[in-house]
Amino acid sequence: MPRYEYRCRACGDTFEVQRPMRDANVKTACPAGHDDTVKLLSTIAVGGGGGGAAAQPRPSGGGCCGGACGC
């Protein structure tokens, strides 16, 4: 289940709420009970080392561009 991060405009507290994606836009009060909260934009990195047909080969080596240009 995803976690959503919020910030309270009244007290400045930052907190997380774990809820289903279908409830992602439901208004949420802060732990102190203030209703003036805003959902923060979170950035995540999703990666996998599983390979597969869609995986792109990574350049190896050194040089100015990681070896991809042969320099």
Protein backbone atom coordinates (compact mmCIF):
# COMPACT_ATOMS: atom_id res chain seq x y z
CA MET A 1 0.00 0.00 0.00
CA PRO A 2 1.46 3.40 -0.96
CA ARG A 3 2.47 6.07 1.52
CA TYR A 4 1.62 9.69 0.91
CA GLU A 5 3.47 12.58 2.53
CA TYR A 6 1.61 15.68 3.71
CA ARG A 7 2.51 19.01 5.26
CA CYS A 8 0.23 20.96 7.57
CA ARG A 9 -0.04 24.65 6.65
CA ALA A 10 -1.22 25.54 10.16
CA CYS A 11 1.57 24.00 12.27
CA GLY A 12 4.20 23.07 9.64
CA ASP A 13 4.24 19.38 10.65
CA THR A 14 5.15 16.88 7.93
CA PHE A 15 3.61 13.42 8.19
CA GLU A 16 2.88 10.29 6.17
CA VAL A 17 -0.37 8.42 5.61
CA GLN A 18 -0.57 4.90 4.25
CA ARG A 19 -3.73 4.28 2.23
CA PRO A 20 -4.97 2.61 -0.96
CA MET A 21 -4.39 4.46 -4.24
CA ARG A 22 -8.13 4.89 -4.69
CA ASP A 23 -8.06 7.17 -1.59
CA ALA A 24 -5.00 9.17 -2.69
CA ASN A 25 -6.93 12.45 -3.04
CA VAL A 26 -9.02 12.19 0.13
CA LYS A 27 -8.47 15.22 2.42
CA THR A 28 -6.31 14.38 5.43
CA ALA A 29 -5.99 16.17 8.77
CA CYS A 30 -2.59 16.44 10.46
CA PRO A 31 -1.89 14.51 13.70
CA ALA A 32 -2.64 17.72 15.65
CA GLY A 33 -6.10 17.87 14.04
CA HIS A 34 -5.61 20.75 11.60
CA ASP A 35 -7.49 20.36 8.31
CA ASP A 36 -5.32 22.70 6.20
CA THR A 37 -2.90 20.14 4.76
CA VAL A 38 -1.27 19.71 1.38
CA LYS A 39 -0.04 16.50 -0.24
CA LEU A 40 3.65 16.75 -1.09
CA LEU A 41 5.14 15.64 -4.37
CA SER A 42 7.35 12.64 -3.72
CA THR A 43 9.98 11.34 -6.05
CA ILE A 44 10.83 7.69 -6.11
CA ALA A 45 13.34 5.62 -7.97
CA VAL A 46 12.05 2.40 -9.39
CA GLY A 47 14.58 0.02 -10.77
CA GLY A 48 15.15 -3.59 -11.26
CA GLY A 49 18.15 -5.70 -11.85
CA GLY A 50 16.14 -8.47 -13.42
CA GLY A 51 17.22 -7.75 -16.99
CA GLY A 52 14.71 -9.07 -19.50
CA ALA A 53 14.05 -8.15 -23.11
CA ALA A 54 13.27 -4.50 -22.33
CA ALA A 55 16.51 -3.89 -20.44
CA GLN A 56 18.99 -1.57 -22.13
CA PRO A 57 22.68 -2.45 -22.00
CA ARG A 58 24.76 -0.11 -19.89
CA PRO A 59 27.96 1.32 -21.31
CA SER A 60 31.12 0.19 -19.61
CA GLY A 61 34.59 1.57 -19.53
CA GLY A 62 35.75 5.09 -18.89
CA GLY A 63 36.44 8.24 -20.76
CA CYS A 64 34.35 11.34 -21.09
CA CYS A 65 31.08 9.56 -21.69
CA GLY A 66 31.48 6.29 -19.85
CA GLY A 67 33.00 4.54 -22.83
CA ALA A 68 29.89 4.63 -25.05
CA CYS A 69 31.61 6.64 -27.80
CA GLY A 70 34.83 4.61 -27.80
CA CYS A 71 37.04 7.48 -26.68
